[in-house]
Amino acid sequence: MELKEFDDKDRQLLFELDMGCRQSYSLLSRKIGLSKQSVEYRIRGLVDKGVIKGFYAALDVSKLGYMYSRLFVQFHGISPPKELEIINYLLSMKQVGWVISTDGSWDLYFGIWSKNVEELSEIVDQFLYKYGSLIKRKEVSITTKIHHFQAKFLSPEFQEGNVFVMESGAKEIVELDELDYRILSLLVLDARMPLITVAKKLSTSYKVVGYRLRRLEKKGIILCYRADIDFNVLKYGHYKVFLTLHNNSKEREEQLLHFLRMHPNVIYVTKAISISDLEFECIIPTTSDFYGLMRELRSKFFDVIQDHSTLMLSETHQINYLPIESKTLFG
């Protein structure tokens, strides 16, 4: 299945759901020019075909006092069943937010939520004590800033799309109560869950839930509501590029960031301490298109890009923005 098999209405619908999946059928129908019934039918079809794997709330967890890090690993002497065991083990860890299989110099990486570096070290050690003998190489990367960009290539008439930024070390830690956490725990798993359903699950009123959601959005805890789009189903490649910079300056780095932000296929830019100076992710249809992007990037920024390496992200096993076990919240 390829993206070109979908018509313009499907593409626009995916674009709207990418960072606004809680929009009502009525609002989506007005934006796209279809009936409510047609919008609902198309969304169901995208889910049934595996194009949309689910819907989730993207949170700025730094405002809850967490930092975000990644552990990249390269295996050796590992069988497919053992690799699956490792993935399932990571999925069971409440502090793990992302689990992603890759092709390239790393085989897998996973995101870790921790309160501090000491807790990060304990989580990494816990994993290595169990599976360290199967790991040839590893690298811890501590993120400092993540830019989230809307998938502009889905709707080319949109020049910029939405942008959300998550920084480590938030200036303000927002105190939440149990009800806030319980609301978030539902929406990180199903961001299109109706208010009435959320209220019923939490034994409260939909008005209370609506008020709490508006507060969480205003405080910047909830960045946006996203569709988990599997672009592999649409025959697109998902690449992560690590850039090593030299002779850099604040001005040139801002120009580089602007170039990546405006490129229709770039969806994330990450600053981190460790593997590289700057990372970006892109969703792009062919290898030739990817090489074209890299040629343009090196041509425009030959004076600051010293080197780069690339990973292809083959499968995302989990996206979870809330490092708290549901059983802790629901008993």
Protein backbone atom coordinates (compact mmCIF):
# COMPACT_ATOMS: atom_id res chain seq x y z
CA MET A 1 0.00 0.00 0.00
CA GLU A 2 1.34 3.43 -0.92
CA LEU A 3 0.34 6.94 0.07
CA LYS A 4 -0.41 7.74 -3.58
CA GLU A 5 -3.23 5.16 -3.43
CA PHE A 6 -5.09 7.53 -1.13
CA ASP A 7 -6.92 10.54 -2.46
CA ASP A 8 -6.36 14.15 -1.37
CA LYS A 9 -9.07 13.83 1.30
CA ASP A 10 -7.26 10.91 2.95
CA ARG A 11 -3.98 12.82 2.91
CA GLN A 12 -5.60 15.92 4.42
CA LEU A 13 -7.30 13.77 7.06
CA LEU A 14 -3.97 12.20 8.07
CA PHE A 15 -2.44 15.67 8.20
CA GLU A 16 -5.17 16.93 10.54
CA LEU A 17 -5.01 13.85 12.78
CA ASP A 18 -1.21 13.93 12.98
CA MET A 19 -1.22 16.64 15.66
CA GLY A 20 -4.92 17.16 16.25
CA CYS A 21 -6.54 13.78 16.63
CA ARG A 22 -9.06 14.95 19.26
CA GLN A 23 -10.79 17.14 16.70
CA SER A 24 -14.45 16.21 16.41
CA TYR A 25 -15.92 14.58 13.33
CA SER A 26 -17.87 17.82 12.76
CA LEU A 27 -14.75 19.98 12.78
CA LEU A 28 -12.82 17.55 10.58
CA SER A 29 -15.71 17.38 8.13
CA ARG A 30 -15.74 21.19 7.77
CA LYS A 31 -11.97 21.36 7.29
CA ILE A 32 -11.83 18.55 4.74
CA GLY A 33 -15.14 19.11 2.98
CA LEU A 34 -16.77 15.76 3.71
CA SER A 35 -19.77 14.63 5.71
CA LYS A 36 -19.30 13.52 9.33
CA GLN A 37 -20.20 10.00 8.29
CA SER A 38 -17.55 9.99 5.54
CA VAL A 39 -14.87 11.25 7.96
CA GLU A 40 -15.76 8.57 10.50
CA TYR A 41 -15.73 5.90 7.78
CA ARG A 42 -12.33 7.01 6.48
CA ILE A 43 -10.76 7.06 9.95
CA ARG A 44 -12.06 3.53 10.61
CA GLY A 45 -10.60 2.45 7.25
CA LEU A 46 -7.18 3.93 8.06
CA VAL A 47 -7.19 2.10 11.40
CA ASP A 48 -8.35 -1.19 9.85
CA LYS A 49 -5.60 -1.02 7.18
CA GLY A 50 -2.95 -0.44 9.85
CA VAL A 51 -2.09 3.05 8.61
CA ILE A 52 -3.15 4.45 11.99
CA LYS A 53 -2.00 2.25 14.89
CA GLY A 54 -3.66 4.36 17.57
CA PHE A 55 -4.00 7.81 19.08
CA TYR A 56 -2.03 9.27 21.96
CA ALA A 57 -1.51 12.46 23.95
CA ALA A 58 2.03 13.85 23.61
CA LEU A 59 3.13 15.32 26.95
CA ASP A 60 5.90 17.64 28.09
CA VAL A 61 6.96 15.30 30.88
CA SER A 62 9.84 17.62 31.83
CA LYS A 63 7.18 19.79 33.52
CA LEU A 64 6.39 16.77 35.70
CA GLY A 65 10.03 16.63 36.78
CA TYR A 66 11.31 13.99 34.35
CA MET A 67 14.28 14.00 31.97
CA TYR A 68 14.30 12.02 28.73
CA SER A 69 17.22 9.84 27.65
CA ARG A 70 17.82 7.02 25.18
CA LEU A 71 19.89 3.85 25.27
CA PHE A 72 21.12 2.71 21.85
CA VAL A 73 22.26 -0.92 21.64
CA GLN A 74 23.91 -3.21 19.11
CA PHE A 75 23.41 -6.92 19.76
CA HIS A 76 25.68 -9.86 19.06
CA GLY A 77 24.88 -13.56 18.95
CA ILE A 78 21.17 -12.98 19.42
CA SER A 79 18.28 -15.04 18.01
CA PRO A 80 14.97 -13.49 16.88
CA PRO A 81 13.08 -15.07 19.85
CA LYS A 82 15.62 -13.57 22.26
CA GLU A 83 15.32 -10.16 20.65
CA LEU A 84 11.54 -10.41 21.01
CA GLU A 85 12.01 -11.31 24.68
CA ILE A 86 14.11 -8.18 25.18
CA ILE A 87 11.50 -6.01 23.45
CA ASN A 88 8.71 -7.46 25.63
CA TYR A 89 10.82 -6.90 28.74
CA LEU A 90 11.28 -3.24 27.80
CA LEU A 91 7.56 -2.88 27.12
CA SER A 92 6.90 -4.03 30.68
CA MET A 93 9.09 -1.30 32.23
CA LYS A 94 7.08 1.72 33.37
CA GLN A 95 10.06 4.08 32.86
CA VAL A 96 10.39 3.16 29.17
CA GLY A 97 8.57 5.50 26.80
CA TRP A 98 9.69 4.39 23.33
CA VAL A 99 10.95 1.06 22.01
CA ILE A 100 12.18 1.18 18.41
CA SER A 101 13.87 -1.45 16.22
CA THR A 102 16.36 -0.03 13.74
CA ASP A 103 18.59 -0.99 10.81
CA GLY A 104 22.11 0.39 10.70
CA SER A 105 24.86 0.81 13.28
CA TRP A 106 22.35 0.20 16.09
CA ASP A 107 19.76 -2.59 16.34
CA LEU A 108 17.40 -1.02 18.84
CA TYR A 109 16.98 1.98 21.07
CA PHE A 110 14.56 2.84 23.80
CA GLY A 111 13.57 6.04 25.56
CA ILE A 112 13.83 6.35 29.33
CA TRP A 113 11.99 8.72 31.67
CA SER A 114 13.91 9.42 34.88
CA LYS A 115 13.89 12.02 37.65
CA ASN A 116 17.68 12.49 37.58
CA VAL A 117 20.93 11.01 36.27
CA GLU A 118 21.22 8.66 39.24
CA GLU A 119 17.82 7.13 38.49
CA LEU A 120 18.76 6.91 34.80
CA SER A 121 21.90 4.97 35.75
CA GLU A 122 19.85 2.55 37.86
CA ILE A 123 17.41 1.90 34.99
CA VAL A 124 20.24 1.31 32.50
CA ASP A 125 22.04 -0.98 34.96
CA GLN A 126 18.84 -2.97 35.54
CA PHE A 127 18.62 -3.63 31.80
CA LEU A 128 22.34 -4.42 31.41
CA TYR A 129 22.43 -6.82 34.38
CA LYS A 130 19.78 -8.86 32.60
CA TYR A 131 20.88 -8.62 28.95
CA GLY A 132 24.38 -7.12 28.94
CA SER A 133 25.97 -10.37 27.73
CA LEU A 134 24.02 -10.03 24.46
CA ILE A 135 25.11 -6.45 23.80
CA LYS A 136 28.14 -5.71 21.66
CA ARG A 137 27.96 -1.93 21.93
CA LYS A 138 25.84 0.62 23.77
CA GLU A 139 25.49 4.38 24.12
CA VAL A 140 23.43 6.52 26.48
CA SER A 141 22.13 9.80 25.08
CA ILE A 142 20.54 12.51 27.26
CA THR A 143 18.19 14.79 25.32
CA THR A 144 18.04 18.50 26.02
CA LYS A 145 15.44 19.65 23.49
CA ILE A 146 13.03 17.94 21.06
CA HIS A 147 11.20 19.80 18.28
CA HIS A 148 8.03 18.05 17.04
CA PHE A 149 6.98 19.04 13.49
CA GLN A 150 3.73 18.23 11.75
CA ALA A 151 4.07 15.93 8.72
CA LYS A 152 3.78 18.72 6.14
CA PHE A 153 4.31 16.43 3.15
CA LEU A 154 0.82 15.04 3.76
CA SER A 155 -0.69 18.40 2.82
CA PRO A 156 1.79 20.40 0.72
CA GLU A 157 -0.30 23.61 0.76
CA PHE A 158 0.55 23.97 4.46
CA GLN A 159 3.93 25.69 4.53
CA GLU A 160 4.76 25.27 8.22
CA GLY A 161 2.26 23.19 10.14
CA ASN A 162 2.29 22.91 13.93
CA VAL A 163 5.49 22.90 15.96
CA PHE A 164 5.89 21.78 19.58
CA VAL A 165 9.09 21.88 21.62
CA MET A 166 9.94 19.81 24.70
CA GLU A 167 12.99 20.85 26.73
CA SER A 168 14.74 19.05 29.55
CA GLY A 169 14.99 20.92 32.84
CA ALA A 170 11.68 22.76 32.71
CA LYS A 171 11.73 26.10 34.56
CA GLU A 172 8.39 25.29 36.16
CA ILE A 173 7.39 21.94 37.62
CA VAL A 174 3.60 21.62 37.53
CA GLU A 175 2.01 19.83 40.46
CA LEU A 176 -0.73 17.40 39.44
CA ASP A 177 -3.15 15.49 41.61
CA GLU A 178 -4.30 11.89 41.22
CA LEU A 179 -7.24 12.80 38.97
CA ASP A 180 -4.95 14.67 36.57
CA TYR A 181 -2.65 11.65 36.33
CA ARG A 182 -5.57 9.30 35.83
CA ILE A 183 -6.93 11.44 32.99
CA LEU A 184 -3.49 11.54 31.36
CA SER A 185 -3.04 7.78 31.79
CA LEU A 186 -6.15 7.21 29.66
CA LEU A 187 -5.34 9.77 26.96
CA VAL A 188 -1.74 8.63 26.39
CA LEU A 189 -3.29 5.31 25.34
CA ASP A 190 -6.36 6.64 23.48
CA ALA A 191 -6.35 10.35 22.75
CA ARG A 192 -9.71 10.21 20.93
CA MET A 193 -11.52 8.82 23.96
CA PRO A 194 -14.66 10.98 24.44
CA LEU A 195 -14.93 13.10 27.59
CA ILE A 196 -18.02 11.19 28.68
CA THR A 197 -16.13 7.88 28.46
CA VAL A 198 -13.17 9.31 30.40
CA ALA A 199 -15.54 10.66 33.05
CA LYS A 200 -17.34 7.34 33.37
CA LYS A 201 -14.08 5.42 33.79
CA LEU A 202 -12.97 7.85 36.50
CA SER A 203 -16.36 8.18 38.24
CA THR A 204 -16.56 11.92 37.73
CA SER A 205 -18.41 14.33 35.42
CA TYR A 206 -17.45 15.19 31.86
CA LYS A 207 -17.43 18.89 32.86
CA VAL A 208 -14.73 18.20 35.45
CA VAL A 209 -12.72 16.22 32.90
CA GLY A 210 -13.10 19.02 30.33
CA TYR A 211 -11.92 21.63 32.84
CA ARG A 212 -8.92 19.51 33.84
CA LEU A 213 -7.96 18.94 30.19
CA ARG A 214 -8.07 22.66 29.39
CA ARG A 215 -5.85 23.32 32.41
CA LEU A 216 -3.35 20.63 31.37
CA GLU A 217 -3.24 22.11 27.85
CA LYS A 218 -2.82 25.68 29.14
CA LYS A 219 0.00 24.64 31.48
CA GLY A 220 1.76 22.96 28.55
CA ILE A 221 1.61 19.47 30.03
CA ILE A 222 -0.34 18.25 27.00
CA LEU A 223 1.54 19.37 23.88
CA CYS A 224 -0.86 17.91 21.35
CA TYR A 225 -2.98 14.87 20.51
CA ARG A 226 -1.33 12.70 17.87
CA ALA A 227 -2.21 9.86 15.55
CA ASP A 228 0.34 7.03 15.58
CA ILE A 229 0.77 6.78 11.80
CA ASP A 230 2.69 3.77 10.49
CA PHE A 231 4.38 5.20 7.42
CA ASN A 232 6.02 1.85 6.73
CA VAL A 233 2.56 0.60 5.70
CA LEU A 234 2.51 3.44 3.16
CA LYS A 235 5.94 2.37 1.83
CA TYR A 236 7.70 5.42 3.24
CA GLY A 237 11.11 5.18 4.88
CA HIS A 238 11.65 6.54 8.39
CA TYR A 239 15.22 7.78 8.88
CA LYS A 240 17.10 9.17 11.88
CA VAL A 241 20.20 11.19 11.03
CA PHE A 242 22.97 12.05 13.52
CA LEU A 243 24.93 15.19 12.64
CA THR A 244 28.41 15.97 13.96
CA LEU A 245 29.03 19.72 13.73
CA HIS A 246 32.21 21.81 13.73
CA ASN A 247 33.00 25.52 13.36
CA ASN A 248 29.45 25.98 14.60
CA SER A 249 27.83 29.21 15.76
CA LYS A 250 24.46 30.10 17.21
CA GLU A 251 23.53 31.85 13.96
CA ARG A 252 24.41 28.89 11.73
CA GLU A 253 22.72 26.43 14.07
CA GLU A 254 19.52 28.49 13.96
CA GLN A 255 19.73 28.53 10.16
CA LEU A 256 20.18 24.76 10.14
CA LEU A 257 17.22 24.32 12.48
CA HIS A 258 15.10 26.60 10.26
CA PHE A 259 16.01 24.54 7.18
CA LEU A 260 14.98 21.32 8.93
CA ARG A 261 11.81 22.88 10.31
CA MET A 262 10.70 24.06 6.88
CA HIS A 263 11.51 20.83 5.08
CA PRO A 264 8.19 19.00 4.45
CA ASN A 265 9.58 15.56 5.33
CA VAL A 266 11.32 16.36 8.63
CA ILE A 267 9.23 15.48 11.70
CA TYR A 268 11.65 15.73 14.65
CA VAL A 269 14.82 17.61 15.53
CA THR A 270 16.62 16.60 18.73
CA LYS A 271 19.51 18.12 20.65
CA ALA A 272 21.22 15.65 22.95
CA ILE A 273 24.40 15.04 24.90
CA SER A 274 26.34 12.08 23.51
CA ILE A 275 26.14 10.46 20.07
CA SER A 276 25.90 13.63 17.99
CA ASP A 277 25.44 17.39 18.17
CA LEU A 278 22.08 17.38 16.43
CA GLU A 279 19.64 14.71 15.24
CA PHE A 280 16.66 14.80 12.94
CA GLU A 281 14.07 12.33 11.72
CA CYS A 282 12.38 12.35 8.36
CA ILE A 283 9.65 10.39 6.61
CA ILE A 284 10.52 10.11 2.94
CA PRO A 285 9.25 7.95 0.04
CA THR A 286 12.45 6.63 -1.59
CA THR A 287 16.14 6.16 -0.88
CA SER A 288 16.84 8.51 -3.76
CA ASP A 289 14.72 11.21 -2.14
CA PHE A 290 16.61 10.73 1.13
CA TYR A 291 19.98 11.06 -0.61
CA GLY A 292 18.66 14.20 -2.29
CA LEU A 293 17.77 15.69 1.10
CA MET A 294 21.23 14.87 2.45
CA ARG A 295 22.97 16.36 -0.59
CA GLU A 296 20.99 19.58 -0.20
CA LEU A 297 21.73 19.68 3.53
CA ARG A 298 25.48 19.18 3.06
CA SER A 299 25.55 21.74 0.25
CA LYS A 300 23.83 24.44 2.32
CA PHE A 301 25.74 23.69 5.54
CA PHE A 302 29.10 22.35 4.30
CA ASP A 303 30.88 24.70 6.69
CA VAL A 304 29.31 23.26 9.87
CA ILE A 305 28.47 19.60 9.08
CA GLN A 306 31.59 17.57 9.72
CA ASP A 307 30.06 14.10 9.54
CA HIS A 308 26.78 12.21 9.75
CA SER A 309 25.42 8.72 10.28
CA THR A 310 22.00 7.27 9.55
CA LEU A 311 19.57 4.78 11.04
CA MET A 312 16.44 3.44 9.42
CA LEU A 313 13.64 3.01 11.95
CA SER A 314 12.00 -0.28 11.02
CA GLU A 315 9.37 -0.66 13.75
CA THR A 316 8.06 1.39 16.66
CA HIS A 317 6.87 -1.03 19.33
CA GLN A 318 5.67 1.53 21.88
CA ILE A 319 4.98 5.21 22.42
CA ASN A 320 4.13 6.12 26.02
CA TYR A 321 4.52 9.59 27.47
CA LEU A 322 3.53 8.77 31.05
CA PRO A 323 6.13 6.91 33.16
CA ILE A 324 3.60 5.66 35.71
CA GLU A 325 2.05 2.20 35.87
CA SER A 326 -1.71 2.22 35.34
CA LYS A 327 -2.17 -0.15 38.25
CA THR A 328 -0.60 2.52 40.48
CA LEU A 329 -3.40 4.88 39.48
CA PHE A 330 -6.30 2.47 39.28
CA GLY A 331 -5.44 0.06 42.10
